[in-house]
Amino acid sequence: MITQGDVINILTEAITTVVLCAAPMLLVAMVVGLIVSIFQATTQINEQTLAFVPKIVAVMLSLLLFGGFIFSTIGGFVTRLFESINRIIMS
């Protein structure tokens, strides 16, 4: 029988996993956006593609760099989720 505590534990772990997986790309996008904004403010160039393209490239590069970490984090979560489902069904 599944309890309310089991559901809360699964949801807490799911939210933690999502935050851990998204954080590297979001931080890189934020830093690149800040650098581009400072550059635009100092040069007074207000081109939208200047803000968009470097962020996309940086996020893709960070995805390549942190991809192993992301996949191992998601894999660990899925493994623990299936083990908890097995435990809940057997009890």
Protein backbone atom coordinates (compact mmCIF):
# COMPACT_ATOMS: atom_id res chain seq x y z
CA MET A 1 0.00 0.00 0.00
CA ILE A 2 1.36 3.37 -0.98
CA THR A 3 1.32 6.01 1.72
CA GLN A 4 1.31 9.76 1.58
CA GLY A 5 4.91 9.77 2.81
CA ASP A 6 5.98 7.58 -0.13
CA VAL A 7 4.39 9.99 -2.61
CA ILE A 8 6.00 12.99 -0.94
CA ASN A 9 9.43 11.30 -0.97
CA ILE A 10 9.12 10.45 -4.67
CA LEU A 11 7.99 13.97 -5.57
CA THR A 12 10.75 15.56 -3.49
CA GLU A 13 13.37 13.42 -5.17
CA ALA A 14 11.89 14.17 -8.61
CA ILE A 15 11.99 17.93 -8.02
CA THR A 16 15.56 17.70 -6.70
CA THR A 17 16.59 15.72 -9.78
CA VAL A 18 15.03 18.27 -12.13
CA VAL A 19 16.78 21.15 -10.37
CA LEU A 20 20.14 19.35 -10.41
CA CYS A 21 19.82 18.52 -14.10
CA ALA A 22 18.70 21.99 -15.19
CA ALA A 23 21.03 24.05 -12.98
CA PRO A 24 24.25 23.81 -15.06
CA MET A 25 22.58 24.98 -18.28
CA LEU A 26 20.57 27.70 -16.54
CA LEU A 27 23.65 29.05 -14.77
CA VAL A 28 25.64 29.10 -18.02
CA ALA A 29 22.80 30.88 -19.82
CA MET A 30 22.53 33.41 -17.01
CA VAL A 31 26.27 34.17 -17.00
CA VAL A 32 26.44 34.46 -20.79
CA GLY A 33 23.34 36.68 -20.77
CA LEU A 34 24.93 38.94 -18.17
CA ILE A 35 28.15 39.22 -20.16
CA VAL A 36 26.24 39.99 -23.37
CA SER A 37 24.10 42.57 -21.55
CA ILE A 38 27.18 44.31 -20.19
CA PHE A 39 28.68 44.28 -23.69
CA GLN A 40 25.49 45.71 -25.18
CA ALA A 41 25.30 48.41 -22.53
CA THR A 42 28.88 49.51 -23.04
CA THR A 43 28.72 49.54 -26.84
CA GLN A 44 25.06 50.64 -27.08
CA ILE A 45 24.31 47.89 -29.58
CA ASN A 46 20.73 46.65 -29.12
CA GLU A 47 20.63 43.73 -31.51
CA GLN A 48 18.35 40.90 -30.36
CA THR A 49 20.35 38.16 -32.08
CA LEU A 50 23.43 39.29 -30.21
CA ALA A 51 21.71 38.28 -26.97
CA PHE A 52 20.08 35.11 -28.32
CA VAL A 53 22.74 33.30 -30.35
CA PRO A 54 25.55 33.25 -27.74
CA LYS A 55 23.15 31.89 -25.11
CA ILE A 56 21.99 29.08 -27.40
CA VAL A 57 25.58 28.15 -28.24
CA ALA A 58 26.61 28.27 -24.57
CA VAL A 59 23.66 26.12 -23.48
CA MET A 60 24.43 23.53 -26.17
CA LEU A 61 28.09 23.43 -25.14
CA SER A 62 27.13 23.09 -21.48
CA LEU A 63 24.77 20.26 -22.43
CA LEU A 64 27.69 18.49 -24.10
CA LEU A 65 29.93 19.16 -21.09
CA PHE A 66 27.41 18.20 -18.38
CA GLY A 67 25.53 15.54 -20.36
CA GLY A 68 27.14 12.64 -18.52
CA PHE A 69 26.26 14.12 -15.15
CA ILE A 70 22.69 14.77 -16.25
CA PHE A 71 22.16 11.27 -17.62
CA SER A 72 23.70 9.61 -14.57
CA THR A 73 21.51 11.73 -12.27
CA ILE A 74 18.36 10.83 -14.19
CA GLY A 75 19.43 7.17 -14.37
CA GLY A 76 19.97 7.05 -10.63
CA PHE A 77 16.57 8.59 -10.01
CA VAL A 78 14.83 6.11 -12.32
CA THR A 79 16.62 3.19 -10.67
CA ARG A 80 15.59 4.37 -7.19
CA LEU A 81 12.04 4.99 -8.46
CA PHE A 82 11.70 1.45 -9.82
CA GLU A 83 13.16 0.01 -6.62
CA SER A 84 10.65 2.00 -4.55
CA ILE A 85 7.79 0.81 -6.80
CA ASN A 86 8.92 -2.77 -6.25
CA ARG A 87 9.14 -2.18 -2.50
CA ILE A 88 5.67 -0.58 -2.40
CA ILE A 89 4.07 -3.38 -4.41
CA MET A 90 5.64 -6.12 -2.29
CA SER A 91 4.57 -4.57 1.02
